[in-house]
């Protein structure tokens, strides 16, 4: 029983580190014709006036599309 608890406690930091990586690798964009920004959060107020659909894509894809980081959610 002690070994199981010890193993669980040691693996906890590894789980939290991998979830942080996933958060930063996907971003949110508006598919509207005038959109040029990517966001870290789909609820960002910069997306309120999105005329298209809000989609999750990878950060690399967003940069490849020529998009820049949102000034509101990437302070």
Protein backbone atom coordinates (compact mmCIF):
# COMPACT_ATOMS: atom_id res chain seq x y z
CA UNK A 1 0.00 0.00 0.00
CA UNK A 2 2.83 2.39 0.85
CA UNK A 3 4.50 1.68 -2.49
CA UNK A 4 1.32 2.54 -4.38
CA UNK A 5 0.89 5.83 -2.53
CA UNK A 6 4.52 6.72 -3.10
CA UNK A 7 4.23 5.94 -6.79
CA UNK A 8 1.09 8.08 -7.09
CA UNK A 9 2.78 11.02 -5.36
CA UNK A 10 5.83 10.78 -7.60
CA UNK A 11 3.79 10.61 -10.79
CA UNK A 12 1.60 13.62 -9.90
CA UNK A 13 4.15 16.26 -11.06
CA UNK A 14 4.55 14.43 -14.37
CA UNK A 15 0.82 14.57 -15.03
CA UNK A 16 0.66 18.31 -14.33
CA UNK A 17 3.66 18.96 -16.61
CA UNK A 18 2.10 17.15 -19.57
CA UNK A 19 -1.21 19.01 -19.25
CA UNK A 20 0.63 22.35 -19.43
CA UNK A 21 2.22 21.34 -22.73
CA UNK A 22 -1.14 20.60 -24.29
CA UNK A 23 -2.53 24.00 -23.30
CA UNK A 24 0.16 25.94 -25.09
CA UNK A 25 0.21 23.83 -28.23
CA UNK A 26 -3.36 24.61 -29.29
CA UNK A 27 -4.76 28.07 -29.92
CA UNK A 28 -8.11 29.45 -31.03
CA UNK A 29 -8.79 31.44 -34.17
CA UNK A 30 -11.75 33.12 -35.78
CA UNK A 31 -12.36 31.93 -39.33
CA UNK A 32 -13.81 35.30 -40.40
CA UNK A 33 -12.32 36.96 -43.50
CA UNK A 34 -10.61 39.82 -41.59
CA UNK A 35 -9.23 37.77 -38.70
CA UNK A 36 -5.44 37.89 -38.18
CA UNK A 37 -5.02 36.94 -34.52
CA UNK A 38 -4.78 33.73 -32.48
CA UNK A 39 -6.01 33.40 -28.89
CA UNK A 40 -5.03 31.28 -25.89
CA UNK A 41 -8.61 31.04 -24.61
CA UNK A 42 -11.81 30.42 -26.59
CA UNK A 43 -13.64 32.80 -24.20
CA UNK A 44 -11.26 35.73 -24.88
CA UNK A 45 -13.16 38.99 -25.35
CA UNK A 46 -11.17 39.54 -28.53
CA UNK A 47 -13.30 36.80 -30.10
CA UNK A 48 -16.62 38.48 -29.22
CA UNK A 49 -16.99 40.06 -32.66
CA UNK A 50 -15.95 36.97 -34.62
CA UNK A 51 -18.00 36.85 -37.82
CA UNK A 52 -16.99 33.26 -38.59
CA UNK A 53 -16.50 30.14 -36.55
CA UNK A 54 -14.07 29.77 -33.62
CA UNK A 55 -11.73 26.83 -34.26
CA UNK A 56 -8.92 25.22 -32.26
CA UNK A 57 -5.71 24.71 -34.23
CA UNK A 58 -2.06 24.17 -33.36
CA UNK A 59 0.16 27.13 -32.57
CA UNK A 60 2.48 26.18 -35.42
CA UNK A 61 -0.40 26.23 -37.91
CA UNK A 62 -1.56 29.63 -36.66
CA UNK A 63 1.92 31.10 -37.09
CA UNK A 64 2.23 29.47 -40.52
CA UNK A 65 -1.00 31.24 -41.51
CA UNK A 66 0.65 34.56 -40.60
CA UNK A 67 -1.39 35.18 -37.46
CA UNK A 68 -0.09 37.09 -34.46
CA UNK A 69 -0.79 36.65 -30.74
CA UNK A 70 -3.80 38.42 -29.22
CA UNK A 71 -2.84 41.49 -27.18
CA UNK A 72 -5.61 40.76 -24.66
CA UNK A 73 -5.01 37.13 -23.71
CA UNK A 74 -1.22 37.06 -24.32
CA UNK A 75 -0.13 39.84 -21.92
